[in-house]
Amino acid sequence: MPERRTLPVLSTGTSVVFPGPPVTVAVTRTASMRAVEAAMRDDHWILAVAELDGAEQLRIDDLPKLGVISRVERVQMGRGALQVVLTGQQRASCLEYLEREPLAAVVVPVQEIPPPDLNDTTFNALLRETRERALELGKGRGIDEDVIRRVLDSVPEAGAFTDLVANYLELPVSDKQQLLETLAVETRLRRVLIHVQRQLELLHTQQDIKKQVQLELGEQQREIYLREQLKAIRRELGEEGERDDVAQLREKLESLTLPDEARAEVDRELLRLERSGAESVEAQVLRSYLQWMCELPWNTRSEDALDLDVAARTLDADHFGLQDIKDRVLEFLAVRVLSGRRAQSEGGQENPEARARAVARGPISLFVGPPGVGKTSIAEAIARALGRKYVRVALGGVRDEADIRGHRRTYVAAMPGRIIQGMKRAGTKNPVFLLDEVDKLSASHQGDPASALLEVLDPAQNSNFTDHYLGVAFDLSEVLFIATGNLAALLAAAAALRVWAGRQRTHVQRRGAIRHHQ
């Protein structure tokens, strides 16, 4: 029969000591420190027990009935705690706790229950599987494989092996205490394998999540890292000041709400600009292009002031007489008022862009008459009456299609067309846009500007108007276009301008009267 012993009791808190390799325990309680002192004065033997509830005050009722007889190897003072190195020797059953100073217990050693047959195939397969999974878990935690193998191979006995693995498992104190109290080696081995497998699955899940997060953030972090490196290189070369404008340009572009196509083009050209030399010709071209993209009114619009009384007073204040003309202009504005109300009743008020497009649908006004009769001033008065920006583009003598569509960026001194230039000056995407002297357009070997105007004026196309310089679509569907001319005969010859949509009507102004041309 095992011999009874009386040993001081060391509470290890939430740490469970297993028989096997040395472990370090932090001791903070005064009672536990006195137990360590008593063991050091005697034969260095102590009973290590865990606390299952983790209470601040040590209570005998909370101490388990099974602990480990351990040897105090070394004691040293640490920061705020006593660091005690223990080597667990043997499980022991606590027969009685002695409430004295320090706390002691009457214990009797207990023996493990070995497997019925050490040569049993099932038991050996279980032992091998546990070794392999323990090795995999150690490698997953970043420990060198050779180190793990040496540690595991140093413990050939099944019981000692299960205690070794259990000691390094990250388990709650209750689960570890259950493994400690499992005396049957085969049963304890099975339980250890289950815990190892669970931690492996948890580790694999964490690795998958980490890979997914790295995949999502990797490109962004890599870009940030490379940009910081690039800044350091430019700082060494003295080029940091030359790139301040590029950083400001990037901030402006990132603050814009661009269509997907425009955003992709801007990001691509901005990356090229950052990679190119500050004084290179390509950098100057790219910088000019990105400045244009910054200054265009992609989503800026002005609210229409569709008040016919205000519009009538505005027209009367700027023009004496011309009553027929002003009446027809008010009729034109009245149609826009009705279109706005209809769009609002259909739920367009919640979508400003859809409502603006609904209001913008309608005929294009074309004013015809000799110079000086008030065509341009009437258009400007309409802009003030609507509360919109006003832009005038003179088309007299235009023979090149590129004046409307712009030049491709591959050409030297390329620029956007007059339409995009006018939109930039307006600063909003729904200005009143005056196309002055459209009867002076002419065709040449460089193309027909009137055919380019068809794409500008046709509501079926102008929502995706593509200027050659920009290379991406720009929305002109909310622009109110007004055209002027001097001679109706020349306008009749320019058929492309008047057939932009078969069902649209064009208002033609002459001095003292307005005629309708279908």
Foldseek 3Di string as FASTA:
>chain_A
DFDKDKAFEAEQEFAADFADDKDKGWAQDPLNVQSQVVLVVPVQKHWYWYFQPRDPDDDPVRTDQKTFTWGFDDWDDDDNTIITIIHTHFMWGFPDWDPDRNIMTIIGTDAAAEDPDPPDPVLVVLQVLLLVLLLVLCVLVPDDSVVSVVVQVVDPDQQNNLRVLLNPQDDGSVLSVVLRPRRYSSVSSVSSSVSSVVVVVVSVVVVVVVVVVCVVCVVVVVVVVVVVVVCVVCVVVVCNVLCPVLVVLVVLLVPDDAPPVLNVVLVVLSVVLSPDDSPDPSNVLSVVLSVLVSLFAQPFADAWPLDLVLLLVLVVVVDDDLVQVSVVVSVQSVVLVVQLVVCVVVVVVVPVVVSLLSSLDAFAEEEEEAPPLCQVVNLVSVQVNTVFFEFEDEPAPDAALCLAQWDASVDPPTDWHPVSVRSSVRSHLAHEYEYEAPLRFDYDPNGGNLLLVLQCPQLVRQCFRHRNHNRGGGGNSSYRYYYYHYDVVSVVVSVSNVVSDVVHWYWYHYRSHIDIDD
